[in-house]
N, C-alpha and C. Protein backbone atom coordinates (compact mmCIF):
# COMPACT_ATOMS: atom_id res chain seq x y z
N MET A 1 -23.58 -95.38 5.96
CA MET A 1 -23.55 -94.10 5.27
C MET A 1 -24.38 -94.21 4.00
N HIS A 2 -25.28 -93.25 3.77
CA HIS A 2 -26.15 -93.26 2.59
C HIS A 2 -25.78 -92.08 1.69
N LEU A 3 -25.37 -92.37 0.45
CA LEU A 3 -25.00 -91.32 -0.50
C LEU A 3 -26.20 -90.97 -1.36
N THR A 4 -26.33 -89.71 -1.67
CA THR A 4 -27.41 -89.28 -2.56
C THR A 4 -26.82 -88.86 -3.90
N ASN A 5 -27.64 -88.83 -4.90
CA ASN A 5 -27.22 -88.44 -6.24
C ASN A 5 -27.39 -86.93 -6.38
N LEU A 6 -26.38 -86.18 -5.97
CA LEU A 6 -26.46 -84.72 -5.98
C LEU A 6 -26.53 -84.15 -7.40
N ALA A 7 -25.90 -84.79 -8.35
CA ALA A 7 -25.88 -84.29 -9.73
C ALA A 7 -27.14 -84.66 -10.49
N LYS A 8 -27.95 -85.54 -9.94
CA LYS A 8 -29.17 -86.00 -10.60
C LYS A 8 -28.88 -86.61 -11.97
N LYS A 9 -27.76 -87.34 -12.06
CA LYS A 9 -27.37 -87.99 -13.30
C LYS A 9 -27.16 -89.47 -13.04
N PRO A 10 -27.32 -90.30 -14.09
CA PRO A 10 -27.07 -91.74 -13.91
C PRO A 10 -25.57 -91.98 -13.73
N PRO A 11 -25.20 -93.18 -13.28
CA PRO A 11 -23.78 -93.50 -13.12
C PRO A 11 -23.03 -93.32 -14.44
N VAL A 12 -21.76 -93.02 -14.35
CA VAL A 12 -20.93 -92.83 -15.54
C VAL A 12 -21.02 -94.06 -16.43
N GLY A 13 -21.15 -93.83 -17.72
CA GLY A 13 -21.25 -94.92 -18.67
C GLY A 13 -22.67 -95.31 -19.02
N PHE A 14 -23.65 -94.86 -18.24
CA PHE A 14 -25.04 -95.14 -18.53
C PHE A 14 -25.61 -94.01 -19.36
N LYS A 15 -26.37 -94.35 -20.36
CA LYS A 15 -26.97 -93.32 -21.22
C LYS A 15 -28.11 -92.63 -20.50
N THR A 16 -28.22 -91.34 -20.77
CA THR A 16 -29.33 -90.57 -20.22
C THR A 16 -30.51 -90.65 -21.17
N GLY A 17 -31.65 -90.25 -20.73
CA GLY A 17 -32.83 -90.24 -21.59
C GLY A 17 -32.69 -89.20 -22.68
N LYS A 18 -33.37 -89.44 -23.77
CA LYS A 18 -33.32 -88.50 -24.89
C LYS A 18 -34.26 -87.32 -24.62
N PRO A 19 -33.81 -86.11 -24.94
CA PRO A 19 -34.71 -84.96 -24.81
C PRO A 19 -35.85 -85.06 -25.82
N LYS A 20 -36.93 -84.35 -25.56
CA LYS A 20 -38.07 -84.36 -26.49
C LYS A 20 -37.67 -83.71 -27.81
N LYS A 21 -38.22 -84.25 -28.88
CA LYS A 21 -37.99 -83.69 -30.21
C LYS A 21 -38.78 -82.39 -30.35
N ASN A 22 -38.23 -81.45 -31.11
CA ASN A 22 -38.92 -80.19 -31.37
C ASN A 22 -38.79 -79.87 -32.86
N LYS A 23 -39.61 -80.54 -33.66
CA LYS A 23 -39.56 -80.39 -35.12
C LYS A 23 -39.78 -78.95 -35.54
N LYS A 24 -40.68 -78.26 -34.89
CA LYS A 24 -40.99 -76.87 -35.24
C LYS A 24 -39.74 -75.99 -35.10
N TYR A 25 -39.01 -76.17 -34.02
CA TYR A 25 -37.78 -75.40 -33.80
C TYR A 25 -36.73 -75.75 -34.87
N LEU A 26 -36.56 -77.04 -35.15
CA LEU A 26 -35.57 -77.45 -36.14
C LEU A 26 -35.92 -76.92 -37.53
N ASP A 27 -37.21 -76.91 -37.87
CA ASP A 27 -37.64 -76.35 -39.15
C ASP A 27 -37.30 -74.86 -39.22
N LYS A 28 -37.47 -74.16 -38.11
CA LYS A 28 -37.14 -72.73 -38.04
C LYS A 28 -35.63 -72.52 -38.24
N ILE A 29 -34.83 -73.35 -37.60
CA ILE A 29 -33.36 -73.27 -37.73
C ILE A 29 -32.95 -73.45 -39.19
N ARG A 30 -33.59 -74.39 -39.88
CA ARG A 30 -33.23 -74.69 -41.28
C ARG A 30 -33.58 -73.55 -42.23
N GLN A 31 -34.41 -72.62 -41.78
CA GLN A 31 -34.78 -71.46 -42.60
C GLN A 31 -33.79 -70.30 -42.42
N MET A 32 -32.91 -70.42 -41.44
CA MET A 32 -31.96 -69.35 -41.13
C MET A 32 -30.68 -69.51 -41.95
N PRO A 33 -29.91 -68.43 -42.10
CA PRO A 33 -28.61 -68.57 -42.76
C PRO A 33 -27.60 -69.25 -41.82
N CYS A 34 -26.56 -69.77 -42.39
CA CYS A 34 -25.49 -70.42 -41.61
C CYS A 34 -24.85 -69.39 -40.67
N CYS A 35 -24.81 -69.71 -39.40
CA CYS A 35 -24.26 -68.76 -38.42
C CYS A 35 -22.75 -68.55 -38.59
N VAL A 36 -22.04 -69.56 -39.09
CA VAL A 36 -20.60 -69.42 -39.30
C VAL A 36 -20.32 -68.57 -40.54
N CYS A 37 -21.04 -68.84 -41.63
CA CYS A 37 -20.86 -68.02 -42.84
C CYS A 37 -21.13 -66.55 -42.52
N GLN A 38 -22.18 -66.30 -41.76
CA GLN A 38 -22.51 -64.92 -41.41
C GLN A 38 -21.43 -64.28 -40.55
N ARG A 39 -21.00 -64.98 -39.52
CA ARG A 39 -20.02 -64.41 -38.58
C ARG A 39 -18.67 -64.14 -39.25
N PHE A 40 -18.27 -65.02 -40.17
CA PHE A 40 -16.95 -64.90 -40.78
C PHE A 40 -16.98 -64.35 -42.21
N GLY A 41 -18.14 -63.87 -42.65
CA GLY A 41 -18.25 -63.24 -43.96
C GLY A 41 -18.03 -64.19 -45.12
N GLU A 42 -18.35 -65.45 -44.93
CA GLU A 42 -18.20 -66.43 -46.00
C GLU A 42 -19.49 -66.50 -46.82
N ASN A 43 -19.36 -66.92 -48.07
CA ASN A 43 -20.50 -67.05 -48.96
C ASN A 43 -21.16 -68.42 -48.74
N GLN A 44 -22.41 -68.43 -48.33
CA GLN A 44 -23.12 -69.70 -48.13
C GLN A 44 -23.53 -70.26 -49.48
N GLN A 45 -23.04 -71.46 -49.80
CA GLN A 45 -23.28 -72.08 -51.10
C GLN A 45 -24.14 -73.33 -51.03
N SER A 46 -24.62 -73.66 -49.85
CA SER A 46 -25.43 -74.88 -49.69
C SER A 46 -26.55 -74.61 -48.69
N PRO A 47 -27.58 -75.45 -48.70
CA PRO A 47 -28.71 -75.26 -47.78
C PRO A 47 -28.29 -75.34 -46.31
N THR A 48 -29.07 -74.71 -45.47
CA THR A 48 -28.84 -74.74 -44.03
C THR A 48 -29.40 -76.02 -43.43
N THR A 49 -28.65 -76.59 -42.50
CA THR A 49 -29.08 -77.77 -41.76
C THR A 49 -29.04 -77.44 -40.27
N ALA A 50 -29.69 -78.26 -39.47
CA ALA A 50 -29.69 -78.07 -38.02
C ALA A 50 -28.59 -78.95 -37.41
N HIS A 51 -27.68 -78.33 -36.70
CA HIS A 51 -26.56 -79.05 -36.08
C HIS A 51 -26.72 -79.04 -34.57
N HIS A 52 -26.65 -80.22 -33.96
CA HIS A 52 -26.69 -80.35 -32.50
C HIS A 52 -25.24 -80.31 -32.00
N PRO A 53 -24.89 -79.35 -31.16
CA PRO A 53 -23.50 -79.19 -30.72
C PRO A 53 -22.85 -80.48 -30.19
N ILE A 54 -21.57 -80.63 -30.53
CA ILE A 54 -20.81 -81.81 -30.14
C ILE A 54 -19.56 -81.48 -29.33
N HIS A 55 -19.07 -80.24 -29.41
CA HIS A 55 -17.83 -79.90 -28.71
C HIS A 55 -18.03 -79.96 -27.20
N GLU A 56 -17.06 -80.58 -26.53
CA GLU A 56 -17.05 -80.72 -25.07
C GLU A 56 -18.31 -81.40 -24.54
N ARG A 57 -18.87 -82.27 -25.37
CA ARG A 57 -20.03 -83.07 -24.97
C ARG A 57 -19.53 -84.49 -24.77
N PHE A 58 -20.06 -85.14 -23.78
CA PHE A 58 -19.65 -86.51 -23.51
C PHE A 58 -20.65 -87.46 -24.15
N GLY A 59 -20.21 -88.64 -24.53
CA GLY A 59 -21.02 -89.59 -25.28
C GLY A 59 -22.36 -89.94 -24.66
N THR A 60 -22.50 -89.83 -23.35
CA THR A 60 -23.76 -90.21 -22.72
C THR A 60 -24.77 -89.07 -22.70
N GLU A 61 -24.34 -87.86 -23.02
CA GLU A 61 -25.25 -86.71 -22.97
C GLU A 61 -25.94 -86.51 -24.31
N LYS A 62 -27.21 -86.20 -24.27
CA LYS A 62 -27.97 -85.90 -25.47
C LYS A 62 -28.24 -84.40 -25.49
N VAL A 63 -28.11 -83.79 -26.65
CA VAL A 63 -28.34 -82.35 -26.78
C VAL A 63 -29.76 -82.11 -27.25
N ALA A 64 -30.46 -81.23 -26.58
CA ALA A 64 -31.84 -80.91 -26.93
C ALA A 64 -31.90 -80.19 -28.27
N ASP A 65 -33.01 -80.37 -28.99
CA ASP A 65 -33.20 -79.70 -30.26
C ASP A 65 -33.08 -78.18 -30.12
N GLU A 66 -33.49 -77.65 -28.98
CA GLU A 66 -33.46 -76.20 -28.76
C GLU A 66 -32.04 -75.64 -28.70
N LYS A 67 -31.04 -76.51 -28.64
CA LYS A 67 -29.64 -76.08 -28.64
C LYS A 67 -29.02 -76.15 -30.04
N ALA A 68 -29.78 -76.64 -31.02
CA ALA A 68 -29.27 -76.77 -32.38
C ALA A 68 -28.96 -75.40 -32.97
N ILE A 69 -27.97 -75.38 -33.85
CA ILE A 69 -27.58 -74.14 -34.51
C ILE A 69 -27.67 -74.32 -36.03
N PRO A 70 -27.87 -73.21 -36.76
CA PRO A 70 -27.95 -73.31 -38.22
C PRO A 70 -26.56 -73.34 -38.85
N LEU A 71 -26.26 -74.42 -39.55
CA LEU A 71 -25.00 -74.53 -40.29
C LEU A 71 -25.31 -74.91 -41.73
N CYS A 72 -24.58 -74.32 -42.67
CA CYS A 72 -24.73 -74.75 -44.05
C CYS A 72 -24.18 -76.17 -44.15
N GLU A 73 -24.52 -76.84 -45.22
CA GLU A 73 -24.07 -78.23 -45.39
C GLU A 73 -22.55 -78.30 -45.38
N GLY A 74 -21.89 -77.28 -45.92
CA GLY A 74 -20.43 -77.26 -45.96
C GLY A 74 -19.79 -77.21 -44.59
N HIS A 75 -20.34 -76.40 -43.69
CA HIS A 75 -19.81 -76.32 -42.34
C HIS A 75 -20.30 -77.46 -41.45
N HIS A 76 -21.34 -78.16 -41.88
CA HIS A 76 -21.91 -79.24 -41.07
C HIS A 76 -21.30 -80.60 -41.45
N GLN A 77 -21.72 -81.15 -42.57
CA GLN A 77 -21.25 -82.48 -42.98
C GLN A 77 -20.14 -82.43 -44.04
N GLY A 78 -20.19 -81.45 -44.91
CA GLY A 78 -19.18 -81.32 -45.95
C GLY A 78 -19.21 -82.40 -47.01
N LEU A 79 -20.39 -82.95 -47.26
CA LEU A 79 -20.49 -84.01 -48.27
C LEU A 79 -20.53 -83.45 -49.69
N TRP A 80 -21.27 -82.35 -49.89
CA TRP A 80 -21.41 -81.76 -51.22
C TRP A 80 -20.59 -80.48 -51.34
N ASP A 81 -20.67 -79.61 -50.36
CA ASP A 81 -19.90 -78.37 -50.36
C ASP A 81 -18.62 -78.62 -49.59
N GLN A 82 -17.54 -78.90 -50.32
CA GLN A 82 -16.27 -79.21 -49.67
C GLN A 82 -15.34 -78.00 -49.62
N SER A 83 -15.90 -76.81 -49.85
CA SER A 83 -15.10 -75.58 -49.81
C SER A 83 -14.93 -75.05 -48.39
N LYS A 84 -15.58 -75.67 -47.42
CA LYS A 84 -15.56 -75.20 -46.04
C LYS A 84 -15.01 -76.29 -45.11
N ILE A 85 -14.71 -75.92 -43.89
CA ILE A 85 -14.30 -76.89 -42.87
C ILE A 85 -15.58 -77.47 -42.27
N ALA A 86 -15.78 -78.77 -42.42
CA ALA A 86 -16.99 -79.43 -41.91
C ALA A 86 -16.76 -79.94 -40.50
N ILE A 87 -17.66 -79.60 -39.60
CA ILE A 87 -17.51 -79.95 -38.19
C ILE A 87 -17.48 -81.46 -37.95
N HIS A 88 -18.23 -82.22 -38.74
CA HIS A 88 -18.25 -83.67 -38.52
C HIS A 88 -17.08 -84.38 -39.20
N LYS A 89 -16.37 -83.69 -40.08
CA LYS A 89 -15.17 -84.27 -40.69
C LYS A 89 -13.91 -83.89 -39.91
N GLU A 90 -13.86 -82.64 -39.45
CA GLU A 90 -12.67 -82.14 -38.75
C GLU A 90 -13.07 -81.31 -37.54
N PRO A 91 -13.62 -81.96 -36.50
CA PRO A 91 -14.13 -81.21 -35.35
C PRO A 91 -13.08 -80.36 -34.64
N LYS A 92 -11.86 -80.86 -34.53
CA LYS A 92 -10.82 -80.11 -33.83
C LYS A 92 -10.42 -78.86 -34.62
N LEU A 93 -10.20 -79.02 -35.92
CA LEU A 93 -9.85 -77.88 -36.78
C LEU A 93 -11.00 -76.88 -36.82
N TRP A 94 -12.24 -77.38 -36.88
CA TRP A 94 -13.42 -76.51 -36.88
C TRP A 94 -13.42 -75.64 -35.63
N GLN A 95 -13.18 -76.26 -34.47
CA GLN A 95 -13.20 -75.52 -33.21
C GLN A 95 -12.04 -74.52 -33.14
N GLU A 96 -10.87 -74.90 -33.63
CA GLU A 96 -9.73 -73.98 -33.64
C GLU A 96 -9.99 -72.77 -34.54
N THR A 97 -10.71 -73.00 -35.63
CA THR A 97 -10.97 -71.94 -36.61
C THR A 97 -12.15 -71.07 -36.22
N TYR A 98 -13.25 -71.69 -35.80
CA TYR A 98 -14.50 -70.96 -35.58
C TYR A 98 -14.93 -70.86 -34.12
N GLY A 99 -14.29 -71.60 -33.23
CA GLY A 99 -14.70 -71.63 -31.83
C GLY A 99 -15.61 -72.81 -31.56
N ALA A 100 -15.98 -72.98 -30.31
CA ALA A 100 -16.84 -74.10 -29.92
C ALA A 100 -18.23 -73.94 -30.52
N ASP A 101 -18.78 -75.03 -31.02
CA ASP A 101 -20.10 -74.95 -31.67
C ASP A 101 -21.20 -74.54 -30.71
N TYR A 102 -21.09 -74.91 -29.44
CA TYR A 102 -22.13 -74.54 -28.47
C TYR A 102 -22.17 -73.04 -28.21
N SER A 103 -21.10 -72.32 -28.57
CA SER A 103 -21.09 -70.87 -28.34
C SER A 103 -21.99 -70.13 -29.32
N TYR A 104 -22.48 -70.81 -30.35
CA TYR A 104 -23.37 -70.19 -31.33
C TYR A 104 -24.84 -70.33 -30.94
N SER A 105 -25.15 -71.15 -29.93
CA SER A 105 -26.56 -71.36 -29.57
C SER A 105 -27.03 -70.36 -28.53
C-alpha cells in the first residue's frame, strides 16, 4: 500500500519553509493606525508595529508577511505602553477581550 501526502505538509514536528519576506507590505502596515484601537475606540499612544498572527497557529507553521496586522506597541509587545493588553504578554486574555488576531487580517 502506497500512501500519498494529501495535505502537502511535512510530517508533524518538522518545520515548514519560511514564506517570502515582503518588506514593502510591512512598511505599509506600520503606517496604518492600530486596528484594535480603532475597532474598540481606544486612544493609540504608541507607534504602530506589524504583528504576525499567533492565535490557533501551531509552532511549525510560519505566517506570511501579507497576513500581518497593524497593532500599536501597547497591543503588540506592551514594553513601553503598558496601558493596553499586549498580545505577546497575555495572548489568552487578548483573545478573550479582542477576538482572534487572525480575524483582523
